[in-house]
Amino acid sequence: MSNPCLALLNSVLAVRLNPASLEFVRRTQEQISTGVTDDRFTQLISLASRHIPRQPLEPGSEDISAAAQLIPGWNPKIWSLLETVRISFVLARRDLAAADFADRFNQWFRFADEGETCAYYRALCLLPEPKQHLWRAAEGCRTNMRSVFAAVACDSPYPFLYFDDIAWNQMLLKALFIGEPLANIYGADKRHNAELQAMVKDYVDERRSAGRDIPADVQLLLA
């Protein structure tokens, strides 16, 4: 298989899905790889929920290690089976590196439900031409839905590698405000800047003044 990330996902799915579900995944990937309209593609993404359970993927340590070897910082530890299948459908497309793919990708969000939206965002770090999707990734970090924020920010190297300092700082501060553990954000302990440290110190001072607890992992940003 030409896409090593898709090959890895398929190998993980192969031992976790029943034969009927696996056949659905195989047939759908083949259909997508031959080229489908955007309407048909989003229909197939939605249809996956009828065939695939929403239970956790629960990848093994070997699977997690293989993912990190392919893309340092990629960790599918909290993915669901359904998310994994939907992401495999994205990776089965033949136009991922096309000049207009970012526009197509953005359109899929218009009618996506929460689960579909999370799957699209988790796919970001696996896509070629990653800088095409900076606007979309930043949109995901501005959401009020914690699940969507985590799909962009957590267990993915995308923000660490491609966000500018403004977007990176805002994402980390939002993680503190909503209680998302910084340990789940790849590079939180590696990428520091003076403005971020000033913002975090202000955050800590405000929490102290209000008599509120200060997250223990805030030290990751003050090192």
N, C-alpha and C. Protein backbone atom coordinates (compact mmCIF):
# COMPACT_ATOMS: atom_id res chain seq x y z
N MET A 1 0.85 -1.20 0.00
CA MET A 1 0.00 0.00 0.00
C MET A 1 0.89 1.24 0.00
N SER A 2 0.56 2.22 -0.82
CA SER A 2 1.45 3.35 -1.04
C SER A 2 1.48 4.31 0.14
N ASN A 3 0.42 4.37 0.93
CA ASN A 3 0.38 5.30 2.06
C ASN A 3 0.68 4.51 3.33
N PRO A 4 1.86 4.71 3.94
CA PRO A 4 2.21 3.91 5.12
C PRO A 4 1.31 4.17 6.32
N CYS A 5 0.78 5.39 6.44
CA CYS A 5 -0.13 5.67 7.55
C CYS A 5 -1.44 4.90 7.38
N LEU A 6 -1.94 4.87 6.16
CA LEU A 6 -3.16 4.10 5.89
C LEU A 6 -2.90 2.62 6.10
N ALA A 7 -1.74 2.14 5.70
CA ALA A 7 -1.40 0.73 5.91
C ALA A 7 -1.39 0.39 7.39
N LEU A 8 -0.85 1.28 8.20
CA LEU A 8 -0.82 1.03 9.64
C LEU A 8 -2.23 1.00 10.21
N LEU A 9 -3.06 1.97 9.84
CA LEU A 9 -4.44 1.98 10.34
C LEU A 9 -5.19 0.73 9.93
N ASN A 10 -4.99 0.29 8.71
CA ASN A 10 -5.68 -0.92 8.26
C ASN A 10 -5.21 -2.16 9.00
N SER A 11 -3.93 -2.20 9.34
CA SER A 11 -3.44 -3.36 10.09
C SER A 11 -4.02 -3.38 11.50
N VAL A 12 -4.22 -2.21 12.09
CA VAL A 12 -4.82 -2.13 13.42
C VAL A 12 -6.31 -2.52 13.35
N LEU A 13 -6.99 -2.03 12.33
CA LEU A 13 -8.41 -2.33 12.18
C LEU A 13 -8.64 -3.82 11.88
N ALA A 14 -7.71 -4.44 11.18
CA ALA A 14 -7.90 -5.82 10.73
C ALA A 14 -8.10 -6.79 11.88
N VAL A 15 -7.54 -6.48 13.04
CA VAL A 15 -7.67 -7.40 14.18
C VAL A 15 -8.68 -6.91 15.21
N ARG A 16 -9.44 -5.86 14.85
CA ARG A 16 -10.41 -5.30 15.78
C ARG A 16 -11.83 -5.25 15.24
N LEU A 17 -11.99 -5.45 13.96
CA LEU A 17 -13.32 -5.41 13.35
C LEU A 17 -13.76 -6.81 12.92
N ASN A 18 -15.06 -7.02 12.93
CA ASN A 18 -15.57 -8.30 12.45
C ASN A 18 -15.49 -8.35 10.92
N PRO A 19 -15.62 -9.52 10.32
CA PRO A 19 -15.47 -9.64 8.86
C PRO A 19 -16.39 -8.73 8.05
N ALA A 20 -17.64 -8.58 8.49
CA ALA A 20 -18.57 -7.73 7.75
C ALA A 20 -18.13 -6.27 7.77
N SER A 21 -17.68 -5.80 8.93
CA SER A 21 -17.20 -4.42 9.04
C SER A 21 -15.94 -4.22 8.22
N LEU A 22 -15.04 -5.20 8.26
CA LEU A 22 -13.81 -5.09 7.47
C LEU A 22 -14.11 -5.05 5.98
N GLU A 23 -15.08 -5.81 5.55
CA GLU A 23 -15.45 -5.80 4.14
C GLU A 23 -16.02 -4.44 3.75
N PHE A 24 -16.83 -3.84 4.62
CA PHE A 24 -17.34 -2.50 4.36
C PHE A 24 -16.18 -1.50 4.21
N VAL A 25 -15.21 -1.57 5.12
CA VAL A 25 -14.06 -0.66 5.06
C VAL A 25 -13.28 -0.87 3.77
N ARG A 26 -13.02 -2.13 3.42
CA ARG A 26 -12.25 -2.41 2.21
C ARG A 26 -12.96 -1.89 0.97
N ARG A 27 -14.25 -2.19 0.84
CA ARG A 27 -15.00 -1.76 -0.33
C ARG A 27 -15.06 -0.24 -0.42
N THR A 28 -15.25 0.41 0.72
CA THR A 28 -15.38 1.87 0.72
C THR A 28 -14.05 2.53 0.37
N GLN A 29 -12.96 2.03 0.91
CA GLN A 29 -11.66 2.59 0.56
C GLN A 29 -11.39 2.45 -0.94
N GLU A 30 -11.74 1.30 -1.50
CA GLU A 30 -11.53 1.10 -2.93
C GLU A 30 -12.37 2.08 -3.74
N GLN A 31 -13.63 2.27 -3.33
CA GLN A 31 -14.50 3.21 -4.04
C GLN A 31 -13.93 4.62 -3.98
N ILE A 32 -13.48 5.03 -2.79
CA ILE A 32 -12.93 6.38 -2.63
C ILE A 32 -11.66 6.55 -3.46
N SER A 33 -10.84 5.51 -3.49
CA SER A 33 -9.55 5.62 -4.20
C SER A 33 -9.72 5.79 -5.70
N THR A 34 -10.87 5.38 -6.23
CA THR A 34 -11.10 5.54 -7.66
C THR A 34 -11.62 6.93 -8.00
N GLY A 35 -12.00 7.70 -6.96
CA GLY A 35 -12.50 9.06 -7.17
C GLY A 35 -14.00 9.14 -6.97
N VAL A 36 -14.43 9.96 -6.02
CA VAL A 36 -15.86 10.16 -5.76
C VAL A 36 -16.11 11.66 -5.60
N THR A 37 -17.35 12.06 -5.78
CA THR A 37 -17.70 13.46 -5.56
C THR A 37 -17.61 13.78 -4.08
N ASP A 38 -17.56 15.07 -3.77
CA ASP A 38 -17.52 15.47 -2.36
C ASP A 38 -18.79 15.04 -1.64
N ASP A 39 -19.93 15.14 -2.31
CA ASP A 39 -21.18 14.71 -1.69
C ASP A 39 -21.15 13.23 -1.36
N ARG A 40 -20.66 12.44 -2.28
CA ARG A 40 -20.59 11.00 -2.05
C ARG A 40 -19.58 10.68 -0.94
N PHE A 41 -18.48 11.39 -0.93
CA PHE A 41 -17.47 11.14 0.10
C PHE A 41 -18.05 11.41 1.49
N THR A 42 -18.71 12.54 1.67
CA THR A 42 -19.26 12.85 2.99
C THR A 42 -20.38 11.89 3.36
N GLN A 43 -21.10 11.39 2.36
CA GLN A 43 -22.10 10.37 2.64
C GLN A 43 -21.44 9.10 3.18
N LEU A 44 -20.32 8.72 2.61
CA LEU A 44 -19.62 7.52 3.05
C LEU A 44 -19.04 7.71 4.46
N ILE A 45 -18.56 8.91 4.72
CA ILE A 45 -18.06 9.21 6.07
C ILE A 45 -19.19 9.05 7.09
N SER A 46 -20.38 9.55 6.75
CA SER A 46 -21.52 9.44 7.64
C SER A 46 -21.99 7.99 7.76
N LEU A 47 -21.99 7.29 6.65
CA LEU A 47 -22.47 5.91 6.61
C LEU A 47 -21.63 4.98 7.49
N ALA A 48 -20.41 5.35 7.74
CA ALA A 48 -19.52 4.50 8.54
C ALA A 48 -20.11 4.20 9.92
N SER A 49 -20.88 5.12 10.47
CA SER A 49 -21.43 4.93 11.81
C SER A 49 -22.43 3.78 11.85
N ARG A 50 -22.95 3.36 10.70
CA ARG A 50 -23.89 2.24 10.67
C ARG A 50 -23.18 0.89 10.69
N HIS A 51 -21.91 0.90 10.40
CA HIS A 51 -21.15 -0.35 10.26
C HIS A 51 -20.06 -0.53 11.31
N ILE A 52 -19.63 0.58 11.92
CA ILE A 52 -18.46 0.54 12.80
C ILE A 52 -18.86 1.00 14.20
N PRO A 53 -18.52 0.24 15.23
CA PRO A 53 -18.84 0.67 16.60
C PRO A 53 -18.03 1.88 17.01
N ARG A 54 -18.54 2.59 18.01
CA ARG A 54 -17.87 3.79 18.49
C ARG A 54 -16.91 3.48 19.64
N GLN A 55 -16.64 2.24 19.89
CA GLN A 55 -15.79 1.87 21.01
C GLN A 55 -14.34 2.29 20.79
N PRO A 56 -13.54 2.36 21.85
CA PRO A 56 -12.14 2.79 21.71
C PRO A 56 -11.35 1.87 20.78
N LEU A 57 -10.41 2.46 20.07
CA LEU A 57 -9.52 1.69 19.21
C LEU A 57 -8.58 0.81 20.03
N GLU A 58 -8.07 1.36 21.12
CA GLU A 58 -7.15 0.66 22.01
C GLU A 58 -5.97 0.05 21.25
N PRO A 59 -5.17 0.88 20.60
CA PRO A 59 -4.00 0.34 19.89
C PRO A 59 -2.99 -0.23 20.88
N GLY A 60 -2.26 -1.25 20.45
CA GLY A 60 -1.24 -1.83 21.29
C GLY A 60 0.01 -0.96 21.32
N SER A 61 0.91 -1.29 22.21
CA SER A 61 2.15 -0.51 22.33
C SER A 61 2.95 -0.56 21.03
N GLU A 62 2.89 -1.69 20.31
CA GLU A 62 3.59 -1.79 19.03
C GLU A 62 2.98 -0.86 18.00
N ASP A 63 1.66 -0.74 18.04
CA ASP A 63 0.98 0.15 17.10
C ASP A 63 1.33 1.61 17.38
N ILE A 64 1.33 1.97 18.67
CA ILE A 64 1.66 3.34 19.05
C ILE A 64 3.10 3.66 18.68
N SER A 65 4.00 2.71 18.89
CA SER A 65 5.40 2.91 18.51
C SER A 65 5.54 3.06 17.00
N ALA A 66 4.81 2.25 16.24
CA ALA A 66 4.87 2.35 14.78
C ALA A 66 4.37 3.69 14.29
N ALA A 67 3.30 4.20 14.92
CA ALA A 67 2.78 5.51 14.54
C ALA A 67 3.83 6.59 14.79
N ALA A 68 4.48 6.54 15.94
CA ALA A 68 5.50 7.55 16.28
C ALA A 68 6.70 7.46 15.36
N GLN A 69 7.00 6.27 14.88
CA GLN A 69 8.11 6.14 13.94
C GLN A 69 7.78 6.74 12.59
N LEU A 70 6.51 6.59 12.19
CA LEU A 70 6.09 7.18 10.92
C LEU A 70 6.04 8.70 11.00
N ILE A 71 5.43 9.20 12.08
CA ILE A 71 5.28 10.64 12.28
C ILE A 71 5.52 10.93 13.76
N PRO A 72 6.69 11.41 14.14
CA PRO A 72 6.94 11.71 15.55
C PRO A 72 5.89 12.65 16.12
N GLY A 73 5.30 12.23 17.24
CA GLY A 73 4.25 13.03 17.86
C GLY A 73 2.86 12.54 17.58
N TRP A 74 2.71 11.65 16.59
CA TRP A 74 1.40 11.08 16.29
C TRP A 74 1.13 9.94 17.25
N ASN A 75 0.00 10.01 17.95
CA ASN A 75 -0.35 8.97 18.92
C ASN A 75 -1.85 8.73 18.87
N PRO A 76 -2.29 7.60 18.32
CA PRO A 76 -3.73 7.31 18.22
C PRO A 76 -4.31 6.64 19.46
N LYS A 77 -3.72 6.86 20.61
CA LYS A 77 -4.12 6.12 21.82
C LYS A 77 -5.57 6.34 22.22
N ILE A 78 -6.13 7.53 21.94
CA ILE A 78 -7.51 7.78 22.37
C ILE A 78 -8.49 7.81 21.19
N TRP A 79 -8.04 7.36 20.03
CA TRP A 79 -8.95 7.29 18.89
C TRP A 79 -10.01 6.21 19.13
N SER A 80 -11.13 6.36 18.47
CA SER A 80 -12.15 5.31 18.47
C SER A 80 -12.04 4.51 17.18
N LEU A 81 -12.68 3.36 17.15
CA LEU A 81 -12.71 2.57 15.91
C LEU A 81 -13.36 3.37 14.78
N LEU A 82 -14.46 4.05 15.11
CA LEU A 82 -15.17 4.80 14.08
C LEU A 82 -14.32 5.94 13.54
N GLU A 83 -13.64 6.67 14.42
CA GLU A 83 -12.74 7.74 13.96
C GLU A 83 -11.65 7.17 13.06
N THR A 84 -11.10 6.05 13.45
CA THR A 84 -10.01 5.45 12.69
C THR A 84 -10.46 5.07 11.29
N VAL A 85 -11.64 4.49 11.20
CA VAL A 85 -12.17 4.13 9.88
C VAL A 85 -12.40 5.39 9.04
N ARG A 86 -12.97 6.42 9.63
CA ARG A 86 -13.22 7.65 8.87
C ARG A 86 -11.91 8.28 8.40
N ILE A 87 -10.90 8.25 9.25
CA ILE A 87 -9.60 8.80 8.86
C ILE A 87 -8.99 7.95 7.74
N SER A 88 -9.21 6.64 7.80
CA SER A 88 -8.70 5.79 6.71
C SER A 88 -9.38 6.14 5.39
N PHE A 89 -10.64 6.56 5.44
CA PHE A 89 -11.32 6.98 4.22
C PHE A 89 -10.69 8.25 3.65
N VAL A 90 -10.33 9.16 4.54
CA VAL A 90 -9.64 10.38 4.08
C VAL A 90 -8.33 10.01 3.40
N LEU A 91 -7.56 9.14 4.04
CA LEU A 91 -6.25 8.78 3.50
C LEU A 91 -6.34 7.95 2.23
N ALA A 92 -7.50 7.35 1.98
CA ALA A 92 -7.68 6.56 0.75
C ALA A 92 -7.88 7.43 -0.48
N ARG A 93 -8.11 8.72 -0.29
CA ARG A 93 -8.32 9.61 -1.43
C ARG A 93 -7.03 9.76 -2.23
N ARG A 94 -7.19 10.00 -3.51
CA ARG A 94 -6.02 10.13 -4.39
C ARG A 94 -5.64 11.59 -4.64
N ASP A 95 -6.40 12.52 -4.06
CA ASP A 95 -6.15 13.94 -4.34
C ASP A 95 -5.60 14.69 -3.12
N LEU A 96 -5.01 13.99 -2.17
CA LEU A 96 -4.57 14.64 -0.93
C LEU A 96 -3.54 15.73 -1.17
N ALA A 97 -2.73 15.58 -2.20
CA ALA A 97 -1.69 16.58 -2.49
C ALA A 97 -2.12 17.57 -3.56
N ALA A 98 -3.36 17.51 -3.99
CA ALA A 98 -3.84 18.41 -5.05
C ALA A 98 -3.93 19.85 -4.54
N ALA A 99 -3.79 20.79 -5.46
CA ALA A 99 -3.80 22.20 -5.08
C ALA A 99 -5.12 22.64 -4.47
N ASP A 100 -6.21 22.00 -4.87
CA ASP A 100 -7.53 22.41 -4.36
C ASP A 100 -8.01 21.54 -3.20
N PHE A 101 -7.15 20.67 -2.69
CA PHE A 101 -7.62 19.76 -1.64
C PHE A 101 -8.03 20.51 -0.37
N ALA A 102 -7.28 21.55 0.00
CA ALA A 102 -7.61 22.29 1.22
C ALA A 102 -9.02 22.87 1.14
N ASP A 103 -9.40 23.37 -0.05
CA ASP A 103 -10.75 23.90 -0.22
C ASP A 103 -11.80 22.80 -0.06
N ARG A 104 -11.53 21.64 -0.62
CA ARG A 104 -12.45 20.52 -0.47
C ARG A 104 -12.56 20.11 1.00
N PHE A 105 -11.42 20.01 1.64
CA PHE A 105 -11.36 19.60 3.05
C PHE A 105 -12.19 20.54 3.91
N ASN A 106 -12.05 21.83 3.68
CA ASN A 106 -12.82 22.81 4.45
C ASN A 106 -14.32 22.65 4.24
N GLN A 107 -14.72 22.32 3.04
CA GLN A 107 -16.15 22.18 2.74
C GLN A 107 -16.78 21.03 3.52
N TRP A 108 -16.01 20.00 3.80
CA TRP A 108 -16.58 18.83 4.49
C TRP A 108 -17.06 19.18 5.90
N PHE A 109 -16.48 20.21 6.49
CA PHE A 109 -16.85 20.58 7.85
C PHE A 109 -18.24 21.23 7.93
N ARG A 110 -18.74 21.71 6.83
CA ARG A 110 -19.98 22.49 6.85
C ARG A 110 -21.15 21.68 7.40
N PHE A 111 -21.20 20.41 7.07
CA PHE A 111 -22.34 19.60 7.48
C PHE A 111 -21.92 18.42 8.35
N ALA A 112 -20.68 18.45 8.84
CA ALA A 112 -20.18 17.35 9.66
C ALA A 112 -20.74 17.44 11.08
N ASP A 113 -21.05 16.29 11.67
CA ASP A 113 -21.43 16.28 13.08
C ASP A 113 -20.16 16.28 13.93
N GLU A 114 -20.32 16.22 15.24
CA GLU A 114 -19.16 16.32 16.13
C GLU A 114 -18.14 15.20 15.87
N GLY A 115 -18.63 13.97 15.73
CA GLY A 115 -17.72 12.86 15.52
C GLY A 115 -16.98 12.96 14.20
N GLU A 116 -17.68 13.36 13.15
CA GLU A 116 -17.03 13.52 11.84
C GLU A 116 -16.01 14.64 11.88
N THR A 117 -16.37 15.74 12.56
CA THR A 117 -15.45 16.87 12.69
C THR A 117 -14.17 16.45 13.40
N CYS A 118 -14.31 15.70 14.48
CA CYS A 118 -13.12 15.25 15.22
C CYS A 118 -12.24 14.37 14.34
N ALA A 119 -12.86 13.49 13.55
CA ALA A 119 -12.07 12.61 12.68
C ALA A 119 -11.29 13.43 11.66
N TYR A 120 -11.92 14.43 11.06
CA TYR A 120 -11.21 15.27 10.10
C TYR A 120 -10.02 15.97 10.76
N TYR A 121 -10.24 16.50 11.97
CA TYR A 121 -9.16 17.21 12.64
C TYR A 121 -8.03 16.27 13.04
N ARG A 122 -8.37 15.06 13.47
CA ARG A 122 -7.31 14.12 13.84
C ARG A 122 -6.48 13.70 12.62
N ALA A 123 -7.06 13.81 11.45
CA ALA A 123 -6.34 13.44 10.22
C ALA A 123 -5.30 14.48 9.81
N LEU A 124 -5.35 15.67 10.39
CA LEU A 124 -4.50 16.76 9.92
C LEU A 124 -3.02 16.39 9.86
N CYS A 125 -2.53 15.75 10.90
CA CYS A 125 -1.09 15.48 10.95
C CYS A 125 -0.67 14.41 9.95
N LEU A 126 -1.63 13.74 9.32
CA LEU A 126 -1.33 12.67 8.38
C LEU A 126 -1.43 13.12 6.92
N LEU A 127 -1.81 14.36 6.71
CA LEU A 127 -2.03 14.85 5.35
C LEU A 127 -0.76 15.46 4.77
N PRO A 128 -0.56 15.31 3.45
CA PRO A 128 0.53 16.02 2.80
C PRO A 128 0.20 17.51 2.69
N GLU A 129 1.19 18.31 2.38
CA GLU A 129 1.01 19.76 2.27
C GLU A 129 0.32 20.31 3.52
N PRO A 130 0.85 20.06 4.70
CA PRO A 130 0.14 20.40 5.95
C PRO A 130 -0.13 21.88 6.14
N LYS A 131 0.71 22.74 5.59
CA LYS A 131 0.51 24.17 5.82
C LYS A 131 -0.74 24.69 5.13
N GLN A 132 -1.28 23.92 4.19
CA GLN A 132 -2.53 24.33 3.54
C GLN A 132 -3.69 24.39 4.54
N HIS A 133 -3.53 23.70 5.67
CA HIS A 133 -4.65 23.53 6.58
C HIS A 133 -4.51 24.34 7.87
N LEU A 134 -3.63 25.33 7.87
CA LEU A 134 -3.41 26.11 9.09
C LEU A 134 -4.66 26.85 9.53
N TRP A 135 -5.36 27.44 8.61
CA TRP A 135 -6.58 28.17 8.99
C TRP A 135 -7.58 27.23 9.63
N ARG A 136 -7.77 26.08 9.03
CA ARG A 136 -8.74 25.13 9.56
C ARG A 136 -8.33 24.64 10.94
N ALA A 137 -7.05 24.36 11.15
CA ALA A 137 -6.57 23.90 12.45
C ALA A 137 -6.79 24.96 13.52
N ALA A 138 -6.52 26.23 13.17
CA ALA A 138 -6.74 27.31 14.12
C ALA A 138 -8.21 27.45 14.47
N GLU A 139 -9.09 27.23 13.49
CA GLU A 139 -10.53 27.25 13.76
C GLU A 139 -10.91 26.19 14.78
N GLY A 140 -10.32 25.02 14.65
CA GLY A 140 -10.62 23.96 15.58
C GLY A 140 -10.22 24.29 17.01
N CYS A 141 -9.15 25.05 17.15
CA CYS A 141 -8.69 25.43 18.49
C CYS A 141 -9.54 26.53 19.10
N ARG A 142 -10.32 27.22 18.29
CA ARG A 142 -11.17 28.29 18.81
C ARG A 142 -12.55 27.79 19.24
N THR A 143 -12.84 26.55 18.98
CA THR A 143 -14.16 26.01 19.28
C THR A 143 -14.42 25.96 20.78
N ASN A 144 -15.71 25.95 21.14
CA ASN A 144 -16.10 25.76 22.53
C ASN A 144 -16.31 24.28 22.87
N MET A 145 -16.15 23.41 21.89
CA MET A 145 -16.33 21.98 22.10
C MET A 145 -14.98 21.36 22.46
N ARG A 146 -14.89 20.85 23.68
CA ARG A 146 -13.60 20.32 24.14
C ARG A 146 -13.13 19.15 23.28
N SER A 147 -14.05 18.31 22.84
CA SER A 147 -13.67 17.16 22.03
C SER A 147 -13.01 17.60 20.73
N VAL A 148 -13.53 18.66 20.13
CA VAL A 148 -12.98 19.16 18.88
C VAL A 148 -11.62 19.82 19.13
N PHE A 149 -11.53 20.62 20.19
CA PHE A 149 -10.24 21.21 20.55
C PHE A 149 -9.18 20.13 20.73
N ALA A 150 -9.52 19.07 21.45
CA ALA A 150 -8.56 18.01 21.71
C ALA A 150 -8.17 17.29 20.42
N ALA A 151 -9.09 17.18 19.46
CA ALA A 151 -8.79 16.51 18.20
C ALA A 151 -7.70 17.25 17.43
N VAL A 152 -7.62 18.57 17.60
CA VAL A 152 -6.57 19.35 16.96
C VAL A 152 -5.31 19.37 17.82
N ALA A 153 -5.48 19.64 19.10
CA ALA A 153 -4.36 19.99 19.96
C ALA A 153 -3.61 18.80 20.54
N CYS A 154 -4.28 17.67 20.72
CA CYS A 154 -3.71 16.59 21.52
C CYS A 154 -3.21 15.42 20.67
N ASP A 155 -2.10 14.84 21.12
CA ASP A 155 -1.55 13.62 20.52
C ASP A 155 -1.27 13.78 19.03
N SER A 156 -0.92 14.98 18.64
CA SER A 156 -0.61 15.29 17.25
C SER A 156 0.54 16.29 17.20
N PRO A 157 1.47 16.14 16.27
CA PRO A 157 2.55 17.11 16.15
C PRO A 157 2.17 18.34 15.34
N TYR A 158 0.95 18.36 14.80
CA TYR A 158 0.59 19.44 13.87
C TYR A 158 0.76 20.83 14.48
N PRO A 159 0.16 21.14 15.63
CA PRO A 159 0.32 22.50 16.17
C PRO A 159 1.79 22.84 16.47
N PHE A 160 2.51 21.90 17.05
CA PHE A 160 3.91 22.13 17.39
C PHE A 160 4.74 22.49 16.14
N LEU A 161 4.47 21.81 15.06
CA LEU A 161 5.27 22.00 13.85
C LEU A 161 4.86 23.21 13.02
N TYR A 162 3.57 23.55 13.01
CA TYR A 162 3.09 24.49 12.00
C TYR A 162 2.43 25.75 12.55
N PHE A 163 1.97 25.76 13.78
CA PHE A 163 1.38 26.99 14.32
C PHE A 163 2.46 28.05 14.51
N ASP A 164 2.10 29.32 14.22
CA ASP A 164 3.02 30.39 14.60
C ASP A 164 2.89 30.61 16.11
N ASP A 165 3.72 31.50 16.65
CA ASP A 165 3.74 31.68 18.10
C ASP A 165 2.40 32.16 18.64
N ILE A 166 1.72 32.99 17.88
CA ILE A 166 0.43 33.51 18.37
C ILE A 166 -0.57 32.37 18.53
N ALA A 167 -0.73 31.54 17.48
CA ALA A 167 -1.67 30.44 17.55
C ALA A 167 -1.25 29.40 18.59
N TRP A 168 0.05 29.14 18.67
CA TRP A 168 0.58 28.18 19.65
C TRP A 168 0.29 28.65 21.08
N ASN A 169 0.58 29.89 21.34
CA ASN A 169 0.35 30.43 22.70
C ASN A 169 -1.12 30.39 23.07
N GLN A 170 -1.97 30.80 22.13
CA GLN A 170 -3.41 30.82 22.41
C GLN A 170 -3.94 29.41 22.68
N MET A 171 -3.42 28.45 21.93
CA MET A 171 -3.87 27.07 22.13
C MET A 171 -3.48 26.56 23.52
N LEU A 172 -2.26 26.84 23.95
CA LEU A 172 -1.81 26.36 25.25
C LEU A 172 -2.57 27.05 26.39
N LEU A 173 -2.81 28.35 26.26
CA LEU A 173 -3.59 29.04 27.29
C LEU A 173 -5.01 28.50 27.35
N LYS A 174 -5.59 28.20 26.20
CA LYS A 174 -6.94 27.65 26.21
C LYS A 174 -6.94 26.27 26.87
N ALA A 175 -5.91 25.48 26.62
CA ALA A 175 -5.82 24.17 27.27
C ALA A 175 -5.83 24.33 28.78
N LEU A 176 -5.11 25.33 29.30
CA LEU A 176 -5.11 25.57 30.74
C LEU A 176 -6.50 25.96 31.23
N PHE A 177 -7.18 26.83 30.49
CA PHE A 177 -8.48 27.33 30.92
C PHE A 177 -9.54 26.22 30.93
N ILE A 178 -9.46 25.30 29.98
CA ILE A 178 -10.50 24.27 29.90
C ILE A 178 -10.10 22.99 30.63
N GLY A 179 -8.88 22.96 31.16
CA GLY A 179 -8.44 21.81 31.94
C GLY A 179 -7.92 20.65 31.12
N GLU A 180 -7.49 20.92 29.90
CA GLU A 180 -6.90 19.86 29.08
C GLU A 180 -5.45 19.64 29.52
N PRO A 181 -5.08 18.44 29.95
CA PRO A 181 -3.70 18.22 30.42
C PRO A 181 -2.67 18.57 29.35
N LEU A 182 -1.70 19.36 29.73
CA LEU A 182 -0.67 19.78 28.77
C LEU A 182 0.19 18.60 28.33
N ALA A 183 0.22 17.55 29.14
CA ALA A 183 1.00 16.36 28.76
C ALA A 183 0.46 15.73 27.49
N ASN A 184 -0.80 16.02 27.15
CA ASN A 184 -1.39 15.47 25.93
C ASN A 184 -1.05 16.28 24.69
N ILE A 185 -0.40 17.43 24.89
CA ILE A 185 -0.07 18.31 23.76
C ILE A 185 1.40 18.13 23.41
N TYR A 186 1.63 17.58 22.25
CA TYR A 186 3.00 17.31 21.83
C TYR A 186 3.81 18.61 21.73
N GLY A 187 4.96 18.62 22.38
CA GLY A 187 5.86 19.77 22.30
C GLY A 187 5.59 20.86 23.31
N ALA A 188 4.60 20.67 24.21
CA ALA A 188 4.30 21.71 25.20
C ALA A 188 5.50 22.00 26.09
N ASP A 189 6.34 21.02 26.29
CA ASP A 189 7.53 21.19 27.13
C ASP A 189 8.76 21.56 26.33
N LYS A 190 8.59 21.75 25.01
CA LYS A 190 9.75 22.01 24.16
C LYS A 190 9.73 23.38 23.50
N ARG A 191 8.56 23.87 23.19
CA ARG A 191 8.47 25.11 22.42
C ARG A 191 8.03 26.25 23.33
N HIS A 192 8.98 27.06 23.76
CA HIS A 192 8.71 28.18 24.66
C HIS A 192 9.03 29.49 23.96
N ASN A 193 8.41 30.55 24.40
CA ASN A 193 8.77 31.89 23.94
C ASN A 193 8.43 32.88 25.05
N ALA A 194 9.04 34.04 24.98
CA ALA A 194 8.90 35.01 26.07
C ALA A 194 7.46 35.44 26.28
N GLU A 195 6.73 35.64 25.19
CA GLU A 195 5.34 36.08 25.32
C GLU A 195 4.49 35.01 26.00
N LEU A 196 4.73 33.76 25.67
CA LEU A 196 4.00 32.66 26.30
C LEU A 196 4.27 32.64 27.80
N GLN A 197 5.51 32.76 28.18
CA GLN A 197 5.82 32.72 29.60
C GLN A 197 5.17 33.88 30.35
N ALA A 198 5.14 35.05 29.73
CA ALA A 198 4.48 36.20 30.36
C ALA A 198 2.98 35.94 30.52
N MET A 199 2.36 35.37 29.50
CA MET A 199 0.93 35.08 29.55
C MET A 199 0.63 34.04 30.64
N VAL A 200 1.48 33.04 30.73
CA VAL A 200 1.27 31.99 31.74
C VAL A 200 1.45 32.55 33.15
N LYS A 201 2.44 33.42 33.33
CA LYS A 201 2.65 34.04 34.64
C LYS A 201 1.44 34.90 35.03
N ASP A 202 0.87 35.61 34.08
CA ASP A 202 -0.34 36.39 34.36
C ASP A 202 -1.49 35.46 34.75
N TYR A 203 -1.60 34.35 34.04
CA TYR A 203 -2.64 33.37 34.34
C TYR A 203 -2.47 32.84 35.77
N VAL A 204 -1.24 32.52 36.14
CA VAL A 204 -0.97 32.00 37.49
C VAL A 204 -1.29 33.05 38.54
N ASP A 205 -0.90 34.30 38.29
CA ASP A 205 -1.17 35.37 39.25
C ASP A 205 -2.68 35.57 39.44
N GLU A 206 -3.43 35.52 38.34
CA GLU A 206 -4.88 35.68 38.42
C GLU A 206 -5.51 34.55 39.22
N ARG A 207 -5.05 33.33 39.00
CA ARG A 207 -5.59 32.19 39.75
C ARG A 207 -5.28 32.31 41.24
N ARG A 208 -4.06 32.75 41.55
CA ARG A 208 -3.69 32.92 42.96
C ARG A 208 -4.55 33.99 43.61
N SER A 209 -4.71 35.10 42.92
CA SER A 209 -5.48 36.21 43.47
C SER A 209 -6.93 35.82 43.73
N ALA A 210 -7.45 34.92 42.88
CA ALA A 210 -8.84 34.48 43.04
C ALA A 210 -8.96 33.29 43.99
N GLY A 211 -7.83 32.84 44.52
CA GLY A 211 -7.86 31.70 45.43
C GLY A 211 -8.18 30.39 44.74
N ARG A 212 -7.83 30.29 43.47
CA ARG A 212 -8.13 29.08 42.72
C ARG A 212 -6.89 28.21 42.59
N ASP A 213 -7.12 26.91 42.40
CA ASP A 213 -6.01 25.99 42.21
C ASP A 213 -5.27 26.31 40.92
N ILE A 214 -3.99 26.02 40.93
CA ILE A 214 -3.15 26.21 39.75
C ILE A 214 -2.77 24.85 39.22
N PRO A 215 -3.06 24.56 37.95
CA PRO A 215 -2.73 23.24 37.40
C PRO A 215 -1.24 22.92 37.58
N ALA A 216 -0.96 21.70 38.02
CA ALA A 216 0.42 21.33 38.29
C ALA A 216 1.27 21.37 37.02
N ASP A 217 0.64 21.03 35.88
CA ASP A 217 1.46 20.96 34.66
C ASP A 217 1.76 22.32 34.04
N VAL A 218 1.32 23.39 34.71
CA VAL A 218 1.66 24.72 34.21
C VAL A 218 3.17 24.92 34.20
N GLN A 219 3.87 24.15 35.03
CA GLN A 219 5.33 24.27 35.07
C GLN A 219 5.98 23.88 33.75
N LEU A 220 5.29 23.07 32.95
CA LEU A 220 5.82 22.70 31.64
C LEU A 220 6.06 23.94 30.77
N LEU A 221 5.24 24.96 31.00
CA LEU A 221 5.33 26.17 30.18
C LEU A 221 6.23 27.23 30.80
N LEU A 222 6.67 27.01 32.01
CA LEU A 222 7.50 28.00 32.69
C LEU A 222 8.95 27.55 32.83
N ALA A 223 9.26 26.35 32.31
CA ALA A 223 10.62 25.83 32.45
C ALA A 223 11.60 26.73 31.72
